[in-house]
Amino acid sequence: MSERACIVTLAILGLSLPACADGDWYAFSDKYERWQKDRPFVLGALHNSVPEDHALERAHRLKAAGCNTLIWWKPGNAVHMFAAAREAGIGWACGSVGGLKTIGEAMKVDGNAFIMVGDEPGDDELEEIAALTDEVRATYPRTPLFTNLSFMKVSHDRYVELCRPDILSFDHYPLLRNGTTQESYLYNVAWGRHSARKYRLPYWLFLQAYGREEEKPSYAYRVPDQADLRFLVFTHLAHGGAGINFFHYYGYQGSMIEDTGVEREASGPTSAHRYENTVASRAWFAVRDVAPEVHVLARALVNLRSKGEITYAGDGRLWDHRAPKYSKHNRDDGYRCSRFGGHGSLLDVRVVDGEDMGLLVGLFVDRRGEEYFMIVNLAHGINQSKLDAARRVRIEFDDGIERIERLNRMTGRVETLRTTTTDQHRVLDVTLEGGTGDLFKWSNGRRWAMR
């Protein structure tokens, strides 16, 4: 999407407001807007195996984690789980394994949220996926359809041209077992945002909620704790994220729910999977911890659009790099993350207490042109709670900003916060838990765009 730089100067309540660009807000497709209007922000989780016992209890436990959509790739053997999700009061979604006929059997259960046609395809698979997508779209014209992509395996432009998705969805699992985070993670999230904005599509991610042991370090993942999980969630939200699905909930060692009674949870007879042998991992508790805050912030975020450039302040270890060398597409096409240099009346952000792992600054706009911004504390790490990685952050404004508004992630109320005067500028100090972001708006007497 092209952006016009238009400087607007307003004097409301005696405050000088930051410049905003005209035309930054845009609507998604009519189909998606109608679908999202009466639905919550999607927090889904993949059920990678579908045991037959205690289906309703299993669905209720997924709901208790704060998720509102149960997902399973293979609709043919999951109808009982879809029915349980419906009875538990949450939605369900499926893949396309088995084709249109199998999807049709599952769609007899009310409550479908979306259908995924294919998973992580290569360029040579896109024509086949496009053909099946057309068939499913013709049969279920109101149902959102998309293919979940791997960032590096496919041309985004060719995919959108052939498949005409309703949503742009990727997966990314950057939290490594050795305690590090893949250095290309934020680059890739920014790249996905670029493609989503280019085609005015809602931007979804499958985020890591499991761990696994592998000989190759780059494929050995750790089970995320609170700070890790929040880091994934809030970096996506700050990039304009419009939906989150967790990979995965059940059916793999190290998932949100583990089954201690089977050796390989994703294979073998379902009769061996017993509900009494299942236990919640730290990832389940981490999702349950952050989910209510996502639902609160989403009341505003579903009405906002990401604008401008995503920028970073402080330590640059997580973002000061170029495209991954193994990328076959868009090796270096201008997505490099840049350092925050101020934006209108927002002059600076920095960590003032604790180890600085960087801050992320994302800008938003609503349909009236009102501007918002999110600041995310990027501190996270292996086995860290959100308090372990909490940091005090100083936000610096020019002298005209006496007040700033923040959407309270706990209460859902809009708070008016007063800045204080230093030798040079006005500042606001906030404490952000590990991986966590706050959403702000300029205090100009105009209402937030809230559902």
Foldseek 3Di string as FASTA:
>chain_A
DDWDQDFDFDQFPNFTDFGFTPPFDDDADPLVCVLPVPDFQAEAAEALDAFDPPLLVVLLLLVLLLGQEYEYAQQQPCLVNQLSNVVNPGAYEYEQPPADVSVVVSPVRPRHAAYEYEEADAAVCLQVSQVRLVVVCVVPVSHFYYHEHALFRYDLVVNCVRNVGQAHEYEDEFAWPVKDGPLCVLLSLLVQLVSCSVNVHAYEYAYEQFAADDPDRRRGHDHFAQLRVLLVVVSNVLSLHRHYYYYHAFFQHGHQKYFPQDDGRNDDDSVSGDPVRIDGDNSSVNSSVCSLLCSLVSQQSVQKGWDDAKAKEDDCSRQQDFADPPRPPCRHDPSRHYHDCDTGFFGDKDFDDDDQPIKIKIWIAGPVRFIKIKIWRQDGIPPDHQANRKTKMKTWGAASQQWKWWQDSPPSDIDIDGWDDDPGTTIDIDIGTRSHMIMIGRPRPDDRNGD
